Amino acid sequence: MSGHQKDGEISKRLLEILACPLCKVRVELSEGRLVCGKCGRRYPIREGIPIMLPEEAEMPEAGEGER
């Protein structure tokens, strides 16, 4: 594993343990963001570090989330 990761990249091992801090549902990597399968919030990844703060998340567009 390299010491430096670009925005939108995250280790697979870390991805396996992350969950949405609000819904407690596992997140998936999609288009360089971590997406909650329940509420649809999209959390950014900066230099390989997931920013799992609700205030940093992008809200889902109409029709997304609650799948």
PDB file of N, CA and C in Angstrom:
ATOM      1  N   MET A   1       0.844  -1.182   0.000  1.00  0.00           N
ATOM      2  CA  MET A   1       0.000   0.000   0.000  1.00  0.00           C
ATOM      3  C   MET A   1       0.880   1.232   0.000  1.00  0.00           C
ATOM      4  N   SER A   2       0.592   2.181  -0.858  1.00  0.00           N
ATOM      5  CA  SER A   2       1.399   3.383  -0.937  1.00  0.00           C
ATOM      6  C   SER A   2       1.108   4.292   0.250  1.00  0.00           C
ATOM      7  N   GLY A   3       2.054   5.155   0.546  1.00  0.00           N
ATOM      8  CA  GLY A   3       1.899   6.057   1.675  1.00  0.00           C
ATOM      9  C   GLY A   3       0.949   7.205   1.392  1.00  0.00           C
ATOM     10  N   HIS A   4       0.747   7.502   0.115  1.00  0.00           N
ATOM     11  CA  HIS A   4      -0.105   8.640  -0.234  1.00  0.00           C
ATOM     12  C   HIS A   4      -1.218   8.179  -1.161  1.00  0.00           C
ATOM     13  N   GLN A   5      -2.433   8.518  -0.792  1.00  0.00           N
ATOM     14  CA  GLN A   5      -3.576   8.183  -1.640  1.00  0.00           C
ATOM     15  C   GLN A   5      -4.209   9.476  -2.112  1.00  0.00           C
ATOM     16  N   LYS A   6      -4.802   9.422  -3.273  1.00  0.00           N
ATOM     17  CA  LYS A   6      -5.478  10.572  -3.853  1.00  0.00           C
ATOM     18  C   LYS A   6      -6.860  10.730  -3.247  1.00  0.00           C
ATOM     19  N   ASP A   7      -7.456  11.894  -3.473  1.00  0.00           N
ATOM     20  CA  ASP A   7      -8.840  12.086  -3.066  1.00  0.00           C
ATOM     21  C   ASP A   7      -9.702  11.035  -3.747  1.00  0.00           C
ATOM     22  N   GLY A   8     -10.649  10.474  -3.007  1.00  0.00           N
ATOM     23  CA  GLY A   8     -11.551   9.484  -3.569  1.00  0.00           C
ATOM     24  C   GLY A   8     -11.033   8.063  -3.494  1.00  0.00           C
ATOM     25  N   GLU A   9      -9.821   7.856  -2.960  1.00  0.00           N
ATOM     26  CA  GLU A   9      -9.263   6.514  -2.816  1.00  0.00           C
ATOM     27  C   GLU A   9      -9.244   6.132  -1.343  1.00  0.00           C
ATOM     28  N   ILE A  10      -9.477   4.855  -1.066  1.00  0.00           N
ATOM     29  CA  ILE A  10      -9.485   4.356   0.302  1.00  0.00           C
ATOM     30  C   ILE A  10      -9.081   2.891   0.277  1.00  0.00           C
ATOM     31  N   SER A  11      -8.456   2.419   1.349  1.00  0.00           N
ATOM     32  CA  SER A  11      -8.045   1.014   1.384  1.00  0.00           C
ATOM     33  C   SER A  11      -9.279   0.115   1.520  1.00  0.00           C
ATOM     34  N   LYS A  12      -9.198  -1.051   0.912  1.00  0.00           N
ATOM     35  CA  LYS A  12     -10.322  -2.001   0.975  1.00  0.00           C
ATOM     36  C   LYS A  12     -10.567  -2.450   2.409  1.00  0.00           C
ATOM     37  N   ARG A  13      -9.509  -2.601   3.169  1.00  0.00           N
ATOM     38  CA  ARG A  13      -9.636  -3.035   4.567  1.00  0.00           C
ATOM     39  C   ARG A  13     -10.434  -2.009   5.380  1.00  0.00           C
ATOM     40  N   LEU A  14     -10.154  -0.738   5.176  1.00  0.00           N
ATOM     41  CA  LEU A  14     -10.883   0.309   5.884  1.00  0.00           C
ATOM     42  C   LEU A  14     -12.337   0.370   5.423  1.00  0.00           C
ATOM     43  N   LEU A  15     -12.551   0.227   4.134  1.00  0.00           N
ATOM     44  CA  LEU A  15     -13.911   0.265   3.589  1.00  0.00           C
ATOM     45  C   LEU A  15     -14.799  -0.806   4.225  1.00  0.00           C
ATOM     46  N   GLU A  16     -14.222  -1.957   4.532  1.00  0.00           N
ATOM     47  CA  GLU A  16     -14.994  -3.061   5.107  1.00  0.00           C
ATOM     48  C   GLU A  16     -15.577  -2.760   6.484  1.00  0.00           C
ATOM     49  N   ILE A  17     -14.990  -1.808   7.216  1.00  0.00           N
ATOM     50  CA  ILE A  17     -15.456  -1.548   8.583  1.00  0.00           C
ATOM     51  C   ILE A  17     -16.224  -0.238   8.746  1.00  0.00           C
ATOM     52  N   LEU A  18     -16.292   0.560   7.697  1.00  0.00           N
ATOM     53  CA  LEU A  18     -16.951   1.866   7.816  1.00  0.00           C
ATOM     54  C   LEU A  18     -18.466   1.778   7.685  1.00  0.00           C
ATOM     55  N   ALA A  19     -19.147   2.633   8.452  1.00  0.00           N
ATOM     56  CA  ALA A  19     -20.608   2.720   8.398  1.00  0.00           C
ATOM     57  C   ALA A  19     -21.018   4.178   8.512  1.00  0.00           C
ATOM     58  N   CYS A  20     -22.185   4.492   8.010  1.00  0.00           N
ATOM     59  CA  CYS A  20     -22.737   5.836   8.123  1.00  0.00           C
ATOM     60  C   CYS A  20     -22.887   6.161   9.619  1.00  0.00           C
ATOM     61  N   PRO A  21     -22.397   7.312  10.067  1.00  0.00           N
ATOM     62  CA  PRO A  21     -22.501   7.645  11.487  1.00  0.00           C
ATOM     63  C   PRO A  21     -23.933   7.913  11.944  1.00  0.00           C
ATOM     64  N   LEU A  22     -24.831   8.189  11.029  1.00  0.00           N
ATOM     65  CA  LEU A  22     -26.224   8.458  11.391  1.00  0.00           C
ATOM     66  C   LEU A  22     -27.087   7.207  11.336  1.00  0.00           C
ATOM     67  N   CYS A  23     -26.946   6.421  10.283  1.00  0.00           N
ATOM     68  CA  CYS A  23     -27.804   5.243  10.077  1.00  0.00           C
ATOM     69  C   CYS A  23     -27.196   3.949  10.609  1.00  0.00           C
ATOM     70  N   LYS A  24     -25.879   3.959  10.794  1.00  0.00           N
ATOM     71  CA  LYS A  24     -25.142   2.762  11.230  1.00  0.00           C
ATOM     72  C   LYS A  24     -25.191   1.643  10.188  1.00  0.00           C
ATOM     73  N   VAL A  25     -25.360   2.031   8.933  1.00  0.00           N
ATOM     74  CA  VAL A  25     -25.402   1.092   7.811  1.00  0.00           C
ATOM     75  C   VAL A  25     -24.072   1.182   7.071  1.00  0.00           C
ATOM     76  N   ARG A  26     -23.596   0.057   6.586  1.00  0.00           N
ATOM     77  CA  ARG A  26     -22.340   0.002   5.845  1.00  0.00           C
ATOM     78  C   ARG A  26     -22.377   0.942   4.641  1.00  0.00           C
ATOM     79  N   VAL A  27     -21.248   1.558   4.335  1.00  0.00           N
ATOM     80  CA  VAL A  27     -21.150   2.452   3.180  1.00  0.00           C
ATOM     81  C   VAL A  27     -20.442   1.728   2.043  1.00  0.00           C
ATOM     82  N   GLU A  28     -20.691   2.203   0.824  1.00  0.00           N
ATOM     83  CA  GLU A  28     -20.066   1.650  -0.372  1.00  0.00           C
ATOM     84  C   GLU A  28     -19.316   2.755  -1.084  1.00  0.00           C
ATOM     85  N   LEU A  29     -18.246   2.398  -1.764  1.00  0.00           N
ATOM     86  CA  LEU A  29     -17.474   3.353  -2.535  1.00  0.00           C
ATOM     87  C   LEU A  29     -18.141   3.557  -3.885  1.00  0.00           C
ATOM     88  N   SER A  30     -18.453   4.804  -4.209  1.00  0.00           N
ATOM     89  CA  SER A  30     -19.088   5.127  -5.481  1.00  0.00           C
ATOM     90  C   SER A  30     -18.621   6.504  -5.933  1.00  0.00           C
ATOM     91  N   GLU A  31     -18.002   6.544  -7.101  1.00  0.00           N
ATOM     92  CA  GLU A  31     -17.543   7.799  -7.696  1.00  0.00           C
ATOM     93  C   GLU A  31     -16.681   8.613  -6.740  1.00  0.00           C
ATOM     94  N   GLY A  32     -15.800   7.935  -6.030  1.00  0.00           N
ATOM     95  CA  GLY A  32     -14.856   8.620  -5.154  1.00  0.00           C
ATOM     96  C   GLY A  32     -15.432   9.103  -3.839  1.00  0.00           C
ATOM     97  N   ARG A  33     -16.608   8.629  -3.483  1.00  0.00           N
ATOM     98  CA  ARG A  33     -17.247   8.997  -2.219  1.00  0.00           C
ATOM     99  C   ARG A  33     -17.765   7.738  -1.545  1.00  0.00           C
ATOM    100  N   LEU A  34     -17.968   7.836  -0.240  1.00  0.00           N
ATOM    101  CA  LEU A  34     -18.576   6.739   0.513  1.00  0.00           C
ATOM    102  C   LEU A  34     -20.059   7.026   0.626  1.00  0.00           C
ATOM    103  N   VAL A  35     -20.872   6.115   0.142  1.00  0.00           N
ATOM    104  CA  VAL A  35     -22.315   6.337   0.058  1.00  0.00           C
ATOM    105  C   VAL A  35     -23.047   5.390   1.002  1.00  0.00           C
ATOM    106  N   CYS A  36     -23.933   5.965   1.818  1.00  0.00           N
ATOM    107  CA  CYS A  36     -24.754   5.168   2.727  1.00  0.00           C
ATOM    108  C   CYS A  36     -25.879   4.516   1.928  1.00  0.00           C
ATOM    109  N   GLY A  37     -26.062   3.216   2.116  1.00  0.00           N
ATOM    110  CA  GLY A  37     -27.100   2.482   1.413  1.00  0.00           C
ATOM    111  C   GLY A  37     -28.505   2.784   1.910  1.00  0.00           C
ATOM    112  N   LYS A  38     -28.630   3.412   3.068  1.00  0.00           N
ATOM    113  CA  LYS A  38     -29.950   3.713   3.608  1.00  0.00           C
ATOM    114  C   LYS A  38     -30.357   5.166   3.336  1.00  0.00           C
ATOM    115  N   CYS A  39     -29.586   6.119   3.833  1.00  0.00           N
ATOM    116  CA  CYS A  39     -29.980   7.534   3.702  1.00  0.00           C
ATOM    117  C   CYS A  39     -29.441   8.183   2.428  1.00  0.00           C
ATOM    118  N   GLY A  40     -28.428   7.575   1.797  1.00  0.00           N
ATOM    119  CA  GLY A  40     -27.886   8.098   0.548  1.00  0.00           C
ATOM    120  C   GLY A  40     -26.855   9.199   0.709  1.00  0.00           C
ATOM    121  N   ARG A  41     -26.520   9.568   1.954  1.00  0.00           N
ATOM    122  CA  ARG A  41     -25.497  10.603   2.134  1.00  0.00           C
ATOM    123  C   ARG A  41     -24.192  10.133   1.515  1.00  0.00           C
ATOM    124  N   ARG A  42     -23.450  11.106   0.932  1.00  0.00           N
ATOM    125  CA  ARG A  42     -22.175  10.817   0.286  1.00  0.00           C
ATOM    126  C   ARG A  42     -21.064  11.524   1.063  1.00  0.00           C
ATOM    127  N   TYR A  43     -20.187  10.720   1.657  1.00  0.00           N
ATOM    128  CA  TYR A  43     -19.092  11.251   2.466  1.00  0.00           C
ATOM    129  C   TYR A  43     -17.822  11.344   1.630  1.00  0.00           C
ATOM    130  N   PRO A  44     -17.116  12.472   1.701  1.00  0.00           N
ATOM    131  CA  PRO A  44     -15.898  12.639   0.905  1.00  0.00           C
ATOM    132  C   PRO A  44     -14.725  11.835   1.454  1.00  0.00           C
ATOM    133  N   ILE A  45     -13.754  11.591   0.584  1.00  0.00           N
ATOM    134  CA  ILE A  45     -12.492  10.952   0.960  1.00  0.00           C
ATOM    135  C   ILE A  45     -11.398  11.925   0.541  1.00  0.00           C
ATOM    136  N   ARG A  46     -10.577  12.345   1.490  1.00  0.00           N
ATOM    137  CA  ARG A  46      -9.506  13.293   1.197  1.00  0.00           C
ATOM    138  C   ARG A  46      -8.168  12.679   1.554  1.00  0.00           C
ATOM    139  N   GLU A  47      -7.301  12.531   0.549  1.00  0.00           N
ATOM    140  CA  GLU A  47      -5.974  11.938   0.714  1.00  0.00           C
ATOM    141  C   GLU A  47      -6.045  10.586   1.414  1.00  0.00           C
ATOM    142  N   GLY A  48      -7.050   9.787   1.043  1.00  0.00           N
ATOM    143  CA  GLY A  48      -7.210   8.453   1.589  1.00  0.00           C
ATOM    144  C   GLY A  48      -7.895   8.395   2.945  1.00  0.00           C
ATOM    145  N   ILE A  49      -8.328   9.546   3.458  1.00  0.00           N
ATOM    146  CA  ILE A  49      -8.977   9.603   4.770  1.00  0.00           C
ATOM    147  C   ILE A  49     -10.467   9.866   4.588  1.00  0.00           C
ATOM    148  N   PRO A  50     -11.319   8.948   5.053  1.00  0.00           N
ATOM    149  CA  PRO A  50     -12.759   9.166   4.942  1.00  0.00           C
ATOM    150  C   PRO A  50     -13.202  10.250   5.927  1.00  0.00           C
ATOM    151  N   ILE A  51     -13.977  11.198   5.444  1.00  0.00           N
ATOM    152  CA  ILE A  51     -14.497  12.279   6.285  1.00  0.00           C
ATOM    153  C   ILE A  51     -15.934  11.906   6.619  1.00  0.00           C
ATOM    154  N   MET A  52     -16.112  11.228   7.743  1.00  0.00           N
ATOM    155  CA  MET A  52     -17.410  10.664   8.114  1.00  0.00           C
ATOM    156  C   MET A  52     -18.194  11.589   9.051  1.00  0.00           C
ATOM    157  N   LEU A  53     -18.172  12.863   8.754  1.00  0.00           N
ATOM    158  CA  LEU A  53     -18.916  13.843   9.534  1.00  0.00           C
ATOM    159  C   LEU A  53     -20.194  14.204   8.784  1.00  0.00           C
ATOM    160  N   PRO A  54     -21.350  14.102   9.432  1.00  0.00           N
ATOM    161  CA  PRO A  54     -22.608  14.418   8.749  1.00  0.00           C
ATOM    162  C   PRO A  54     -22.614  15.805   8.097  1.00  0.00           C
ATOM    163  N   GLU A  55     -21.979  16.785   8.736  1.00  0.00           N
ATOM    164  CA  GLU A  55     -21.972  18.132   8.162  1.00  0.00           C
ATOM    165  C   GLU A  55     -21.090  18.254   6.927  1.00  0.00           C
ATOM    166  N   GLU A  56     -20.209  17.282   6.687  1.00  0.00           N
ATOM    167  CA  GLU A  56     -19.365  17.264   5.492  1.00  0.00           C
ATOM    168  C   GLU A  56     -19.989  16.457   4.356  1.00  0.00           C
ATOM    169  N   ALA A  57     -21.022  15.699   4.655  1.00  0.00           N
ATOM    170  CA  ALA A  57     -21.642  14.823   3.662  1.00  0.00           C
ATOM    171  C   ALA A  57     -22.506  15.599   2.686  1.00  0.00           C
ATOM    172  N   GLU A  58     -22.568  15.075   1.459  1.00  0.00           N
ATOM    173  CA  GLU A  58     -23.496  15.619   0.461  1.00  0.00           C
ATOM    174  C   GLU A  58     -24.812  14.878   0.638  1.00  0.00           C
ATOM    175  N   MET A  59     -25.883  15.609   0.630  1.00  0.00           N
ATOM    176  CA  MET A  59     -27.201  14.999   0.758  1.00  0.00           C
ATOM    177  C   MET A  59     -27.598  14.346  -0.565  1.00  0.00           C
ATOM    178  N   PRO A  60     -28.371  13.281  -0.507  1.00  0.00           N
ATOM    179  CA  PRO A  60     -28.799  12.619  -1.745  1.00  0.00           C
ATOM    180  C   PRO A  60     -29.761  13.504  -2.525  1.00  0.00           C
ATOM    181  N   GLU A  61     -29.778  13.283  -3.825  1.00  0.00           N
ATOM    182  CA  GLU A  61     -30.734  14.001  -4.665  1.00  0.00           C
ATOM    183  C   GLU A  61     -32.095  13.352  -4.508  1.00  0.00           C
ATOM    184  N   ALA A  62     -33.130  14.020  -4.913  1.00  0.00           N
ATOM    185  CA  ALA A  62     -34.494  13.483  -4.801  1.00  0.00           C
ATOM    186  C   ALA A  62     -34.568  12.111  -5.466  1.00  0.00           C
ATOM    187  N   GLY A  63     -35.153  11.154  -4.767  1.00  0.00           N
ATOM    188  CA  GLY A  63     -35.291   9.805  -5.312  1.00  0.00           C
ATOM    189  C   GLY A  63     -34.187   8.861  -4.909  1.00  0.00           C
ATOM    190  N   GLU A  64     -33.106   9.367  -4.308  1.00  0.00           N
ATOM    191  CA  GLU A  64     -32.017   8.522  -3.833  1.00  0.00           C
ATOM    192  C   GLU A  64     -32.217   8.220  -2.361  1.00  0.00           C
ATOM    193  N   GLY A  65     -31.485   7.215  -1.858  1.00  0.00           N
ATOM    194  CA  GLY A  65     -31.557   6.839  -0.454  1.00  0.00           C
ATOM    195  C   GLY A  65     -32.779   5.994  -0.179  1.00  0.00           C
ATOM    196  N   GLU A  66     -32.896   5.515   1.038  1.00  0.00           N
ATOM    197  CA  GLU A  66     -33.993   4.664   1.468  1.00  0.00           C
ATOM    198  C   GLU A  66     -34.293   3.558   0.453  1.00  0.00           C
ATOM    199  N   ARG A  67     -33.218   2.847   0.054  1.00  0.00           N
ATOM    200  CA  ARG A  67     -33.360   1.765  -0.921  1.00  0.00           C
ATOM    201  C   ARG A  67     -33.862   0.519  -0.301  1.00  0.00           C
TER     202      ARG A  67
END
